[in-house]
Amino acid sequence: MSILINRDTKIITQGITGKTGQFHTRACRDYKNGRAAYVAGVNPKRAGEDFEGIPIFGSVKEAREETSATVSVIYVPPTTAVSAIWEAVEANLDLVICITEGIPVRDMIELRDRMRRKNCKTLLLGPNCPGVITPDELKIGIMPGHIHRKGRIGVVSRSGTLTYEAVAQLTALGLGQSSAIGIGGDPINGLKHIDVMKMFNEDLDTDAIIMIGEIGGPDEANAAYWIKNNMNKPVVGFIAGVTAPPGKRMGHAGALISGGSDTAEAKLEIMESCGISVTKNPSEMGRLLKSVL
């Protein structure tokens, strides 16, 4: 069992003919069950062609109807990314994964409001995220597949790099992962920590979770309060940005301290008070997780 994707998932790549889309589609297709999973690409100007055997369609709707795909991954420029997400939503896909970085916040606010008004079933992961992987089955995104190992530890993170760090530590300790999810570092995004934690809590093949956050926003605190009242599995937490000064954006667009509860220290205190085992040292995430099993 896994969350969001599994070996049988069928995927559409939006932006498959661009340099980034080609590179990562090729890498994902070469990972485990990827050759059967990547069934379509979308580019209105190149419909009827193919990318290394993957047929290209003029729209997401057409690609879904022809291939029965339920997930899309987006590698298009920031100026067209919101339109690409909305096209996938209108095609009624189950999940849209937007890798694109640099989408204007106002565009994402308008998109989020439009999705709420539509009350759509489509889940959005990202933007500005590394994607999702179910080790030894399937990966969608830009994460390095070779560091992952099949197992029973879930990982959810706002930071792509820290996702890889946590995964590499777990693998080195002999602890594999059930799924690893990068939710992205933008202030306006789709799935939050709390959404992914609910999925891991219900997943029978996940025994414990590493939750990685950053300064800025209330998402980690909201997840911590939910964990305190609902979670039946151990959780280890880390917050990046302990030394970040207020008012200065650090790395991700959402990593900006705008209030007292946005700091790393404040978030770590909340998480610890909610029963989460926390560390301020990113090199200790794997060992701390192993200690709570």
Protein backbone atom coordinates (compact mmCIF):
# COMPACT_ATOMS: atom_id res chain seq x y z
CA MET A 1 0.00 0.00 0.00
CA SER A 2 1.12 3.57 -0.56
CA ILE A 3 -0.31 7.06 -0.64
CA LEU A 4 -1.15 9.14 -3.73
CA ILE A 5 0.55 6.83 -6.27
CA ASN A 6 1.44 3.16 -6.77
CA ARG A 7 2.86 0.84 -9.43
CA ASP A 8 -0.41 0.91 -11.40
CA THR A 9 -0.72 4.72 -11.66
CA LYS A 10 -0.93 6.13 -15.20
CA ILE A 11 0.69 9.54 -15.77
CA ILE A 12 0.48 12.43 -18.23
CA THR A 13 3.44 14.81 -18.58
CA GLN A 14 2.40 18.38 -19.32
CA GLY A 15 5.40 20.06 -20.92
CA ILE A 16 6.91 16.79 -22.16
CA THR A 17 8.62 18.43 -25.16
CA GLY A 18 10.57 20.99 -23.14
CA LYS A 19 14.12 20.36 -21.97
CA THR A 20 13.11 19.87 -18.32
CA GLY A 21 10.05 17.77 -19.16
CA GLN A 22 12.05 15.50 -21.42
CA PHE A 23 14.89 15.02 -18.93
CA HIS A 24 12.71 14.14 -15.94
CA THR A 25 10.14 12.12 -17.88
CA ARG A 26 12.99 10.00 -19.19
CA ALA A 27 14.46 9.56 -15.69
CA CYS A 28 11.08 8.72 -14.13
CA ARG A 29 10.19 6.31 -16.91
CA ASP A 30 13.48 4.47 -16.30
CA TYR A 31 12.69 4.05 -12.59
CA LYS A 32 11.05 0.72 -11.69
CA ASN A 33 7.51 0.56 -13.20
CA GLY A 34 7.84 3.90 -14.98
CA ARG A 35 7.88 2.50 -18.51
CA ALA A 36 4.31 1.25 -18.11
CA ALA A 37 3.21 4.28 -16.08
CA TYR A 38 4.12 7.22 -18.34
CA VAL A 39 1.45 6.91 -21.01
CA ALA A 40 0.99 10.41 -22.48
CA GLY A 41 2.38 13.88 -22.99
CA VAL A 42 0.59 17.14 -23.74
CA ASN A 43 1.60 19.90 -26.15
CA PRO A 44 -1.13 21.47 -28.31
CA LYS A 45 1.39 22.40 -31.00
CA ARG A 46 2.80 18.88 -31.33
CA ALA A 47 -0.28 16.69 -31.00
CA GLY A 48 0.07 13.47 -32.96
CA GLU A 49 3.82 13.24 -32.42
CA ASP A 50 5.54 11.23 -29.70
CA PHE A 51 8.41 11.53 -27.26
CA GLU A 52 10.48 8.35 -27.36
CA GLY A 53 7.33 6.31 -27.89
CA ILE A 54 5.09 8.27 -25.50
CA PRO A 55 2.19 9.73 -27.53
CA ILE A 56 1.64 13.49 -27.39
CA PHE A 57 -1.91 14.86 -27.26
CA GLY A 58 -3.33 18.32 -27.77
CA SER A 59 -5.05 18.51 -24.36
CA VAL A 60 -5.10 16.81 -20.97
CA LYS A 61 -8.73 15.81 -21.48
CA GLU A 62 -7.89 14.03 -24.73
CA ALA A 63 -4.89 12.33 -23.11
CA ARG A 64 -7.01 11.12 -20.19
CA GLU A 65 -9.75 9.80 -22.45
CA GLU A 66 -7.29 7.92 -24.66
CA THR A 67 -5.05 6.46 -21.92
CA SER A 68 -7.18 6.38 -18.71
CA ALA A 69 -4.43 8.34 -16.92
CA THR A 70 -5.39 9.72 -13.49
CA VAL A 71 -2.31 11.83 -12.65
CA SER A 72 -0.41 14.60 -14.41
CA VAL A 73 2.97 16.15 -13.73
CA ILE A 74 3.69 19.69 -14.88
CA TYR A 75 7.02 21.00 -16.21
CA VAL A 76 6.01 24.26 -17.89
CA PRO A 77 7.20 27.87 -17.36
CA PRO A 78 5.72 29.93 -14.48
CA THR A 79 3.70 32.08 -16.90
CA THR A 80 1.67 29.11 -18.15
CA ALA A 81 1.75 26.80 -15.13
CA VAL A 82 -1.55 27.94 -13.60
CA SER A 83 -3.32 27.37 -16.92
CA ALA A 84 -1.77 23.91 -17.08
CA ILE A 85 -2.96 23.07 -13.57
CA TRP A 86 -6.47 24.29 -14.36
CA GLU A 87 -6.56 22.25 -17.57
CA ALA A 88 -5.75 19.12 -15.54
CA VAL A 89 -8.42 20.02 -12.96
CA GLU A 90 -11.02 20.46 -15.68
CA ALA A 91 -10.02 17.07 -17.08
CA ASN A 92 -11.06 15.63 -13.70
CA LEU A 93 -7.75 13.98 -12.87
CA ASP A 94 -7.22 12.57 -9.36
CA LEU A 95 -3.87 14.27 -8.76
CA VAL A 96 -1.86 17.10 -10.34
CA ILE A 97 1.82 17.49 -9.41
CA CYS A 98 3.29 20.87 -10.30
CA ILE A 99 7.08 20.99 -10.23
CA THR A 100 7.29 24.55 -11.61
CA GLU A 101 8.97 27.17 -9.43
CA GLY A 102 8.33 30.91 -9.54
CA ILE A 103 4.56 31.04 -10.16
CA PRO A 104 3.25 34.48 -9.08
CA VAL A 105 1.46 34.32 -5.72
CA ARG A 106 -1.54 36.24 -7.06
CA ASP A 107 -2.00 33.66 -9.83
CA MET A 108 -1.97 30.85 -7.26
CA ILE A 109 -4.47 32.65 -5.02
CA GLU A 110 -6.86 33.00 -7.96
CA LEU A 111 -6.37 29.36 -8.91
CA ARG A 112 -6.98 28.15 -5.36
CA ASP A 113 -10.19 30.17 -5.15
CA ARG A 114 -11.34 28.81 -8.51
CA MET A 115 -10.68 25.22 -7.37
CA ARG A 116 -12.65 25.82 -4.17
CA ARG A 117 -15.61 27.27 -6.06
CA LYS A 118 -15.58 24.29 -8.43
CA ASN A 119 -15.38 21.94 -5.43
CA CYS A 120 -13.25 19.68 -7.60
CA LYS A 121 -12.02 16.22 -6.66
CA THR A 122 -8.52 16.89 -8.05
CA LEU A 123 -5.71 17.06 -5.50
CA LEU A 124 -2.83 19.45 -6.16
CA LEU A 125 0.73 18.75 -5.02
CA GLY A 126 2.99 21.79 -5.28
CA PRO A 127 3.86 24.03 -7.00
CA ASN A 128 7.61 24.36 -6.45
CA CYS A 129 7.85 20.78 -5.22
CA PRO A 130 10.07 17.77 -6.00
CA GLY A 131 7.09 15.42 -6.42
CA VAL A 132 6.26 12.05 -4.90
CA ILE A 133 7.84 8.61 -4.86
CA THR A 134 6.73 5.18 -3.76
CA PRO A 135 10.11 3.41 -3.61
CA ASP A 136 10.64 0.38 -5.86
CA GLU A 137 7.34 1.14 -7.60
CA LEU A 138 7.08 4.59 -9.15
CA LYS A 139 8.38 8.14 -8.96
CA ILE A 140 6.87 11.34 -10.30
CA GLY A 141 9.12 14.38 -10.13
CA ILE A 142 12.75 15.32 -9.77
CA MET A 143 13.95 13.34 -6.74
CA PRO A 144 16.92 10.98 -7.15
CA GLY A 145 15.46 7.49 -7.19
CA HIS A 146 18.62 5.63 -6.18
CA ILE A 147 18.65 6.91 -2.58
CA HIS A 148 15.21 5.46 -1.83
CA ARG A 149 14.49 2.04 -0.42
CA LYS A 150 11.16 0.27 0.03
CA GLY A 151 10.04 0.25 3.66
CA ARG A 152 7.57 1.53 6.24
CA ILE A 153 8.61 5.12 7.04
CA GLY A 154 6.71 8.06 5.55
CA VAL A 155 8.41 11.37 4.74
CA VAL A 156 6.67 14.70 4.11
CA SER A 157 8.57 17.94 3.59
CA ARG A 158 8.33 21.50 2.30
CA SER A 159 11.97 21.29 1.20
CA GLY A 160 13.06 19.09 -1.66
CA THR A 161 16.69 18.94 -0.54
CA LEU A 162 15.75 18.04 3.03
CA THR A 163 13.43 15.34 1.70
CA TYR A 164 16.42 13.75 0.02
CA GLU A 165 18.53 14.20 3.16
CA ALA A 166 15.95 12.46 5.37
CA VAL A 167 15.49 9.65 2.88
CA ALA A 168 19.25 9.09 2.51
CA GLN A 169 19.64 8.94 6.30
CA LEU A 170 16.82 6.42 6.63
CA THR A 171 18.19 4.25 3.86
CA ALA A 172 21.68 4.31 5.43
CA LEU A 173 20.14 3.08 8.68
CA GLY A 174 18.34 0.25 6.91
CA LEU A 175 14.94 1.94 7.17
CA GLY A 176 13.03 2.08 3.91
CA GLN A 177 10.22 4.44 2.99
CA SER A 178 6.56 3.76 2.23
CA SER A 179 6.21 7.07 0.36
CA ALA A 180 8.10 10.37 0.31
CA ILE A 181 6.11 13.51 -0.49
CA GLY A 182 7.45 16.99 -1.26
CA ILE A 183 4.61 19.48 -0.79
CA GLY A 184 6.59 22.49 -2.03
CA GLY A 185 7.84 25.70 -0.49
CA ASP A 186 5.48 28.32 -1.94
CA PRO A 187 3.10 30.23 0.35
CA ILE A 188 0.07 29.18 -1.71
CA ASN A 189 0.10 25.50 -2.57
CA GLY A 190 -2.11 22.45 -2.68
CA LEU A 191 -1.71 19.61 -0.18
CA LYS A 192 -0.45 20.68 3.25
CA HIS A 193 1.40 18.76 5.95
CA ILE A 194 -1.89 17.98 7.68
CA ASP A 195 -3.38 16.45 4.52
CA VAL A 196 -0.40 14.15 4.01
CA MET A 197 -0.26 13.23 7.71
CA LYS A 198 -3.90 12.09 7.53
CA MET A 199 -3.00 9.85 4.58
CA PHE A 200 0.00 8.36 6.38
CA ASN A 201 -2.08 7.79 9.51
CA GLU A 202 -4.53 5.70 7.50
CA ASP A 203 -1.85 3.83 5.52
CA LEU A 204 -1.45 0.34 6.96
CA ASP A 205 2.08 0.07 5.56
CA THR A 206 3.43 3.22 7.24
CA ASP A 207 4.71 2.80 10.81
CA ALA A 208 6.23 6.24 11.51
CA ILE A 209 6.72 9.59 9.80
CA ILE A 210 9.35 12.30 9.44
CA MET A 211 7.71 15.72 9.01
CA ILE A 212 10.00 18.50 7.76
CA GLY A 213 8.95 22.14 7.76
CA GLU A 214 10.33 25.63 7.36
CA ILE A 215 9.88 29.07 8.81
CA GLY A 216 6.84 31.02 7.63
CA GLY A 217 3.14 30.21 7.72
CA PRO A 218 0.97 28.15 10.10
CA ASP A 219 1.01 24.80 8.30
CA GLU A 220 3.37 22.89 10.58
CA ALA A 221 1.57 24.12 13.71
CA ASN A 222 -1.81 23.15 12.27
CA ALA A 223 -0.48 19.68 11.50
CA ALA A 224 1.03 19.36 14.98
CA TYR A 225 -2.29 20.09 16.69
CA TRP A 226 -4.01 17.52 14.50
CA ILE A 227 -1.29 14.97 15.27
CA LYS A 228 -1.74 15.50 19.00
CA ASN A 229 -5.44 14.69 18.84
CA ASN A 230 -5.53 12.07 16.09
CA MET A 231 -2.23 10.46 15.17
CA ASN A 232 -1.62 6.88 16.26
CA LYS A 233 1.92 6.62 14.90
CA PRO A 234 5.19 8.22 16.07
CA VAL A 235 6.25 11.41 14.30
CA VAL A 236 9.68 13.04 14.16
CA GLY A 237 9.93 16.72 13.23
CA PHE A 238 12.50 19.19 11.95
CA ILE A 239 12.08 22.88 11.06
CA ALA A 240 14.60 24.59 8.79
CA GLY A 241 15.53 28.21 9.47
CA VAL A 242 16.47 28.38 13.16
CA THR A 243 18.90 31.24 12.46
CA ALA A 244 16.74 33.08 9.91
CA PRO A 245 16.22 36.81 10.70
CA PRO A 246 12.63 38.17 10.72
CA GLY A 247 11.50 39.82 7.50
CA LYS A 248 14.08 38.15 5.27
CA ARG A 249 12.95 35.45 2.85
CA MET A 250 15.12 32.36 3.11
CA GLY A 251 15.15 30.11 0.04
CA HIS A 252 11.53 29.28 -0.62
CA ALA A 253 8.94 31.95 -1.35
CA GLY A 254 6.96 30.87 1.72
CA ALA A 255 9.94 30.88 4.08
CA LEU A 256 9.43 34.33 5.55
CA ILE A 257 8.94 35.08 9.24
CA SER A 258 6.00 37.48 9.48
CA GLY A 259 4.96 36.82 13.08
CA GLY A 260 6.17 35.26 16.33
CA SER A 261 4.58 31.89 15.61
CA ASP A 262 6.30 31.70 12.20
CA THR A 263 9.80 31.17 13.62
CA ALA A 264 11.53 27.81 13.70
CA GLU A 265 11.80 27.94 17.50
CA ALA A 266 8.08 28.61 17.91
CA LYS A 267 7.13 25.81 15.55
CA LEU A 268 9.49 23.36 17.25
CA GLU A 269 7.98 24.25 20.64
CA ILE A 270 4.46 23.66 19.35
CA MET A 271 5.46 20.37 17.75
CA GLU A 272 7.19 19.16 20.90
CA SER A 273 4.20 20.13 23.06
CA CYS A 274 2.02 18.03 20.75
CA GLY A 275 4.08 14.88 21.33
CA ILE A 276 6.31 15.08 18.27
CA SER A 277 9.97 14.21 18.77
CA VAL A 278 11.95 17.12 17.35
CA THR A 279 15.54 17.90 16.48
CA LYS A 280 17.32 21.12 15.53
CA ASN A 281 20.05 19.18 13.74
CA PRO A 282 19.10 17.99 10.23
CA SER A 283 21.77 15.30 10.36
CA GLU A 284 19.92 13.62 13.26
CA MET A 285 16.52 13.09 11.58
CA GLY A 286 17.11 9.46 10.68
CA ARG A 287 18.64 8.45 14.02
CA LEU A 288 15.87 10.20 15.93
CA LEU A 289 13.24 8.38 13.89
CA LYS A 290 14.91 5.03 14.54
CA SER A 291 14.93 5.78 18.28
CA VAL A 292 11.14 6.17 18.46
CA LEU A 293 10.30 2.90 16.70
